[in-house]
Structures are given as structure tokens and as C-alpha cells.
């Protein structure tokens, strides 16, 4: 499986180019890459402590009309329930996980570098997940696709159960 992932990494850009030239959307190839990465991660066994896992969420998960800024501190959430941020605050309180909301890929990478987690659960769109996974070669990164009922980068959603399943796997609480 590790060899398959290395080959996929090596061939990713040529495959994207070929797929685009024959009309296959780039996001379809990116989905396959993230799913292959996740299959590799799930083929291993882990037993991390909750404080060793970082959950990384895109800022577009917060309701666009919300006046509170949660990118610096997720606990600023009023827990009104209009977006998934309140679910994440509850998850953080329940598990003790480090949950961060990033405004973009550069900040997401900085958060990972500064916090030095042993594993990451990352929620994002196909493009951001792919580039983030490719950049973090030395730690396991499980990718979770966000849902975009309003288009990209606005009022996106997450399936909190997918995050909980990833936590249970990485902490060996199946």
C-alpha cells in the first residue's frame, strides 16, 4: 500500500494533466488520491493519545454571516447550531483534541508545524486536501471532504461522524 501511495504521488501531476486534457475534472482525480491516501492510513494500526492528534478545519465551515471570529480561537463560537463549529467545540471538549480552523493552506501548514502533531484529521475541499496531504509526508493525515451545498468556500458542512470515526481509528478505539 505504501508503494502504491508513493507511485500515486509521483504520477499525480501527469495524471491530472492527462485527465484534464480528455475532459475528466481535476477534482475527480483529487478525490481518488485522497481516498487512496486514506486507504493507506487505514491499512496501518495506530494508538495515539488524543492530544497527539490535530483536527484541522477550513474557515468556510463557519456560517458566513456569523459576527464571531473563530479562526483564532474555536471557543469563541456562540454554539448557536447554525454551522458545524459548535459540533467541533463539543468534540474538542469531549475528546481533548486540538481543533484549529485555518483560513488557508499556508496557515494550515503553519498550525501543523507549530503544534507538531503525530497525526492530522483534515477537513477541506479536494484541492486543499490533496496539496496538504502531499506536503505532510512524515505524519499520517486522514482527509475528510467537506460538503459544499452553497458552492466553494461558503457555508460548507462536515459530517461530524466521519471525524469521530477517524478519531476512534487513530486512538485505537474501534
C-alpha atoms as a PDB file:
ATOM      1  CA  UNK A   1       0.000   0.000   0.000  1.00  0.00           C
ATOM      2  CA  UNK A   2       2.860   2.401   0.834  1.00  0.00           C
ATOM      3  CA  UNK A   3       4.379   1.777  -2.599  1.00  0.00           C
ATOM      4  CA  UNK A   4       1.000   2.441  -4.251  1.00  0.00           C
ATOM      5  CA  UNK A   5       0.758   5.790  -2.449  1.00  0.00           C
ATOM      6  CA  UNK A   6       4.303   6.753  -3.475  1.00  0.00           C
ATOM      7  CA  UNK A   7       3.513   5.882  -7.095  1.00  0.00           C
ATOM      8  CA  UNK A   8       0.266   7.887  -6.906  1.00  0.00           C
ATOM      9  CA  UNK A   9       2.208  10.854  -5.518  1.00  0.00           C
ATOM     10  CA  UNK A  10       4.801  10.595  -8.282  1.00  0.00           C
ATOM     11  CA  UNK A  11       2.229  10.279 -11.063  1.00  0.00           C
ATOM     12  CA  UNK A  12      -0.290  12.751  -9.656  1.00  0.00           C
ATOM     13  CA  UNK A  13       0.597  15.800 -11.804  1.00  0.00           C
ATOM     14  CA  UNK A  14       0.902  13.874 -15.102  1.00  0.00           C
ATOM     15  CA  UNK A  15      -2.424  12.124 -14.395  1.00  0.00           C
ATOM     16  CA  UNK A  16      -4.097  15.484 -13.632  1.00  0.00           C
ATOM     17  CA  UNK A  17      -2.754  16.869 -16.937  1.00  0.00           C
ATOM     18  CA  UNK A  18      -3.904  13.873 -18.977  1.00  0.00           C
ATOM     19  CA  UNK A  19      -7.293  13.718 -17.246  1.00  0.00           C
ATOM     20  CA  UNK A  20      -7.908  17.436 -17.815  1.00  0.00           C
ATOM     21  CA  UNK A  21      -6.996  17.156 -21.473  1.00  0.00           C
ATOM     22  CA  UNK A  22      -9.606  14.418 -22.013  1.00  0.00           C
ATOM     23  CA  UNK A  23     -12.321  16.147 -20.009  1.00  0.00           C
ATOM     24  CA  UNK A  24     -12.062  14.445 -16.623  1.00  0.00           C
ATOM     25  CA  UNK A  25     -12.437  17.054 -13.861  1.00  0.00           C
ATOM     26  CA  UNK A  26      -9.346  17.561 -11.678  1.00  0.00           C
ATOM     27  CA  UNK A  27     -11.441  17.120  -8.541  1.00  0.00           C
ATOM     28  CA  UNK A  28     -12.306  13.550  -9.550  1.00  0.00           C
ATOM     29  CA  UNK A  29      -8.591  12.681  -9.669  1.00  0.00           C
ATOM     30  CA  UNK A  30      -8.024  14.523  -6.388  1.00  0.00           C
ATOM     31  CA  UNK A  31     -10.833  12.504  -4.742  1.00  0.00           C
ATOM     32  CA  UNK A  32      -9.171   9.294  -5.861  1.00  0.00           C
ATOM     33  CA  UNK A  33      -5.823  10.475  -4.474  1.00  0.00           C
ATOM     34  CA  UNK A  34      -7.322  11.350  -1.062  1.00  0.00           C
ATOM     35  CA  UNK A  35      -9.206   8.048  -0.924  1.00  0.00           C
ATOM     36  CA  UNK A  36      -6.002   6.165  -1.782  1.00  0.00           C
ATOM     37  CA  UNK A  37      -4.174   8.076   0.967  1.00  0.00           C
ATOM     38  CA  UNK A  38      -6.934   7.254   3.458  1.00  0.00           C
ATOM     39  CA  UNK A  39      -6.853   3.587   2.448  1.00  0.00           C
ATOM     40  CA  UNK A  40      -3.141   3.555   3.171  1.00  0.00           C
ATOM     41  CA  UNK A  41      -3.643   5.196   6.583  1.00  0.00           C
ATOM     42  CA  UNK A  42      -6.471   2.765   7.441  1.00  0.00           C
ATOM     43  CA  UNK A  43      -4.264  -0.191   6.444  1.00  0.00           C
ATOM     44  CA  UNK A  44      -1.992   0.591   9.407  1.00  0.00           C
ATOM     45  CA  UNK A  45      -2.623   0.481  13.123  1.00  0.00           C
ATOM     46  CA  UNK A  46      -2.258   3.468  15.420  1.00  0.00           C
ATOM     47  CA  UNK A  47      -2.736   4.107  19.097  1.00  0.00           C
ATOM     48  CA  UNK A  48      -2.261   7.854  19.516  1.00  0.00           C
ATOM     49  CA  UNK A  49      -3.281   9.826  22.579  1.00  0.00           C
ATOM     50  CA  UNK A  50      -5.941  12.428  21.820  1.00  0.00           C
ATOM     51  CA  UNK A  51      -3.522  15.301  22.475  1.00  0.00           C
ATOM     52  CA  UNK A  52      -1.232  13.917  19.725  1.00  0.00           C
ATOM     53  CA  UNK A  53      -3.922  14.357  17.064  1.00  0.00           C
ATOM     54  CA  UNK A  54      -4.722  17.670  15.441  1.00  0.00           C
ATOM     55  CA  UNK A  55      -8.053  18.326  13.730  1.00  0.00           C
ATOM     56  CA  UNK A  56      -7.798  20.946  11.009  1.00  0.00           C
ATOM     57  CA  UNK A  57     -10.937  22.593   9.657  1.00  0.00           C
ATOM     58  CA  UNK A  58     -11.357  25.222   6.901  1.00  0.00           C
ATOM     59  CA  UNK A  59     -12.769  28.622   7.874  1.00  0.00           C
ATOM     60  CA  UNK A  60     -15.601  28.220   5.362  1.00  0.00           C
ATOM     61  CA  UNK A  61     -17.253  25.841   7.832  1.00  0.00           C
ATOM     62  CA  UNK A  62     -18.305  28.874   9.881  1.00  0.00           C
ATOM     63  CA  UNK A  63     -21.594  30.478   8.871  1.00  0.00           C
ATOM     64  CA  UNK A  64     -20.669  33.310   6.511  1.00  0.00           C
ATOM     65  CA  UNK A  65     -22.994  35.744   8.297  1.00  0.00           C
ATOM     66  CA  UNK A  66     -21.565  34.981  11.761  1.00  0.00           C
ATOM     67  CA  UNK A  67     -20.070  38.008  13.518  1.00  0.00           C
ATOM     68  CA  UNK A  68     -17.838  35.949  15.819  1.00  0.00           C
ATOM     69  CA  UNK A  69     -14.300  35.150  14.724  1.00  0.00           C
ATOM     70  CA  UNK A  70     -13.378  31.536  15.397  1.00  0.00           C
ATOM     71  CA  UNK A  71     -10.230  31.300  13.283  1.00  0.00           C
ATOM     72  CA  UNK A  72      -8.034  32.454  16.170  1.00  0.00           C
ATOM     73  CA  UNK A  73      -9.891  30.570  18.866  1.00  0.00           C
ATOM     74  CA  UNK A  74     -12.608  27.998  18.222  1.00  0.00           C
ATOM     75  CA  UNK A  75     -14.007  28.566  21.716  1.00  0.00           C
ATOM     76  CA  UNK A  76     -15.255  31.982  20.528  1.00  0.00           C
ATOM     77  CA  UNK A  77     -18.192  30.112  18.990  1.00  0.00           C
ATOM     78  CA  UNK A  78     -21.582  31.013  20.499  1.00  0.00           C
ATOM     79  CA  UNK A  79     -22.796  27.434  19.855  1.00  0.00           C
ATOM     80  CA  UNK A  80     -25.928  28.638  18.099  1.00  0.00           C
ATOM     81  CA  UNK A  81     -26.024  25.498  15.949  1.00  0.00           C
ATOM     82  CA  UNK A  82     -26.253  27.291  12.592  1.00  0.00           C
ATOM     83  CA  UNK A  83     -22.984  25.724  11.452  1.00  0.00           C
ATOM     84  CA  UNK A  84     -20.730  22.804  12.393  1.00  0.00           C
ATOM     85  CA  UNK A  85     -18.373  24.882  14.543  1.00  0.00           C
ATOM     86  CA  UNK A  86     -20.494  24.218  17.645  1.00  0.00           C
ATOM     87  CA  UNK A  87     -20.210  20.466  16.942  1.00  0.00           C
ATOM     88  CA  UNK A  88     -16.446  20.826  16.777  1.00  0.00           C
ATOM     89  CA  UNK A  89     -16.304  22.746  20.059  1.00  0.00           C
ATOM     90  CA  UNK A  90     -18.297  19.943  21.710  1.00  0.00           C
ATOM     91  CA  UNK A  91     -15.998  17.357  20.129  1.00  0.00           C
ATOM     92  CA  UNK A  92     -12.950  19.222  21.415  1.00  0.00           C
ATOM     93  CA  UNK A  93     -14.426  19.370  24.919  1.00  0.00           C
ATOM     94  CA  UNK A  94     -15.330  15.666  24.818  1.00  0.00           C
ATOM     95  CA  UNK A  95     -12.046  14.330  23.411  1.00  0.00           C
ATOM     96  CA  UNK A  96      -9.407  16.882  24.406  1.00  0.00           C
ATOM     97  CA  UNK A  97      -8.295  17.068  20.782  1.00  0.00           C
ATOM     98  CA  UNK A  98      -6.587  20.100  19.349  1.00  0.00           C
ATOM     99  CA  UNK A  99      -9.048  21.631  16.861  1.00  0.00           C
ATOM    100  CA  UNK A 100      -7.939  24.511  14.671  1.00  0.00           C
ATOM    101  CA  UNK A 101      -9.717  26.490  11.993  1.00  0.00           C
ATOM    102  CA  UNK A 102      -7.451  27.765   9.220  1.00  0.00           C
ATOM    103  CA  UNK A 103      -8.113  30.492   6.676  1.00  0.00           C
ATOM    104  CA  UNK A 104      -5.996  28.793   4.040  1.00  0.00           C
ATOM    105  CA  UNK A 105      -3.321  26.261   3.190  1.00  0.00           C
ATOM    106  CA  UNK A 106      -0.378  28.353   4.356  1.00  0.00           C
ATOM    107  CA  UNK A 107      -1.904  28.845   7.798  1.00  0.00           C
ATOM    108  CA  UNK A 108      -2.899  25.167   7.949  1.00  0.00           C
ATOM    109  CA  UNK A 109       0.710  24.130   7.319  1.00  0.00           C
ATOM    110  CA  UNK A 110       1.941  26.620   9.947  1.00  0.00           C
ATOM    111  CA  UNK A 111      -0.523  25.226  12.511  1.00  0.00           C
ATOM    112  CA  UNK A 112       0.799  21.718  11.867  1.00  0.00           C
ATOM    113  CA  UNK A 113       4.439  22.802  12.042  1.00  0.00           C
ATOM    114  CA  UNK A 114       3.881  24.814  15.249  1.00  0.00           C
ATOM    115  CA  UNK A 115       1.885  22.092  17.043  1.00  0.00           C
ATOM    116  CA  UNK A 116       3.915  19.077  15.879  1.00  0.00           C
ATOM    117  CA  UNK A 117       1.076  16.518  15.997  1.00  0.00           C
ATOM    118  CA  UNK A 118       1.668  12.817  15.444  1.00  0.00           C
ATOM    119  CA  UNK A 119      -1.432  12.625  13.201  1.00  0.00           C
ATOM    120  CA  UNK A 120      -3.847  15.017  11.491  1.00  0.00           C
ATOM    121  CA  UNK A 121      -7.505  14.760  10.597  1.00  0.00           C
ATOM    122  CA  UNK A 122      -8.015  17.363   7.894  1.00  0.00           C
ATOM    123  CA  UNK A 123     -11.332  18.581   6.526  1.00  0.00           C
ATOM    124  CA  UNK A 124     -11.273  20.517   3.257  1.00  0.00           C
ATOM    125  CA  UNK A 125     -12.143  20.502  -0.423  1.00  0.00           C
ATOM    126  CA  UNK A 126     -10.416  18.134  -2.818  1.00  0.00           C
ATOM    127  CA  UNK A 127      -7.740  20.620  -3.907  1.00  0.00           C
ATOM    128  CA  UNK A 128      -6.731  21.679  -0.397  1.00  0.00           C
ATOM    129  CA  UNK A 129      -6.744  18.125   0.973  1.00  0.00           C
ATOM    130  CA  UNK A 130      -4.575  16.870  -1.876  1.00  0.00           C
ATOM    131  CA  UNK A 131      -1.946  19.581  -1.533  1.00  0.00           C
ATOM    132  CA  UNK A 132      -1.941  19.318   2.262  1.00  0.00           C
ATOM    133  CA  UNK A 133      -1.531  15.538   2.227  1.00  0.00           C
ATOM    134  CA  UNK A 134       1.282  15.820  -0.292  1.00  0.00           C
ATOM    135  CA  UNK A 135       3.076  18.384   1.887  1.00  0.00           C
ATOM    136  CA  UNK A 136       2.841  16.349   5.119  1.00  0.00           C
ATOM    137  CA  UNK A 137       4.888  13.289   4.266  1.00  0.00           C
ATOM    138  CA  UNK A 138       6.083  12.282   7.740  1.00  0.00           C
ATOM    139  CA  UNK A 139       2.801  12.046   9.643  1.00  0.00           C
ATOM    140  CA  UNK A 140      -0.480  10.309   8.857  1.00  0.00           C
ATOM    141  CA  UNK A 141      -3.125  12.677   7.501  1.00  0.00           C
ATOM    142  CA  UNK A 142      -6.694  11.427   7.156  1.00  0.00           C
ATOM    143  CA  UNK A 143      -8.651  13.538   4.683  1.00  0.00           C
ATOM    144  CA  UNK A 144     -12.357  14.263   5.114  1.00  0.00           C
ATOM    145  CA  UNK A 145     -14.189  16.041   2.302  1.00  0.00           C
ATOM    146  CA  UNK A 146     -16.366  18.973   3.266  1.00  0.00           C
ATOM    147  CA  UNK A 147     -19.841  19.309   1.763  1.00  0.00           C
ATOM    148  CA  UNK A 148     -20.489  22.429  -0.327  1.00  0.00           C
ATOM    149  CA  UNK A 149     -24.228  22.955  -0.749  1.00  0.00           C
ATOM    150  CA  UNK A 150     -23.647  26.686  -1.434  1.00  0.00           C
ATOM    151  CA  UNK A 151     -20.636  26.285  -3.689  1.00  0.00           C
ATOM    152  CA  UNK A 152     -16.979  26.525  -2.737  1.00  0.00           C
ATOM    153  CA  UNK A 153     -15.766  28.367   0.366  1.00  0.00           C
ATOM    154  CA  UNK A 154     -19.180  29.496   1.686  1.00  0.00           C
ATOM    155  CA  UNK A 155     -21.143  27.857   4.485  1.00  0.00           C
ATOM    156  CA  UNK A 156     -19.636  24.420   3.940  1.00  0.00           C
ATOM    157  CA  UNK A 157     -20.601  21.451   6.092  1.00  0.00           C
ATOM    158  CA  UNK A 158     -18.893  18.452   7.659  1.00  0.00           C
ATOM    159  CA  UNK A 159     -20.138  15.086   8.739  1.00  0.00           C
ATOM    160  CA  UNK A 160     -19.066  15.069  12.392  1.00  0.00           C
ATOM    161  CA  UNK A 161     -19.408  11.260  12.432  1.00  0.00           C
ATOM    162  CA  UNK A 162     -16.607  10.969   9.854  1.00  0.00           C
ATOM    163  CA  UNK A 163     -14.356  12.960  12.184  1.00  0.00           C
ATOM    164  CA  UNK A 164     -15.369  10.810  15.169  1.00  0.00           C
ATOM    165  CA  UNK A 165     -14.658   7.630  13.180  1.00  0.00           C
ATOM    166  CA  UNK A 166     -11.213   8.964  12.256  1.00  0.00           C
ATOM    167  CA  UNK A 167     -10.529   9.810  15.914  1.00  0.00           C
ATOM    168  CA  UNK A 168     -11.623   6.343  17.026  1.00  0.00           C
ATOM    169  CA  UNK A 169      -9.352   4.732  14.440  1.00  0.00           C
ATOM    170  CA  UNK A 170      -6.290   6.835  15.280  1.00  0.00           C
ATOM    171  CA  UNK A 171      -6.768   6.335  19.032  1.00  0.00           C
ATOM    172  CA  UNK A 172      -7.474   2.625  18.523  1.00  0.00           C
ATOM    173  CA  UNK A 173     -10.987   2.867  19.990  1.00  0.00           C
ATOM    174  CA  UNK A 174     -12.784   0.902  17.326  1.00  0.00           C
END
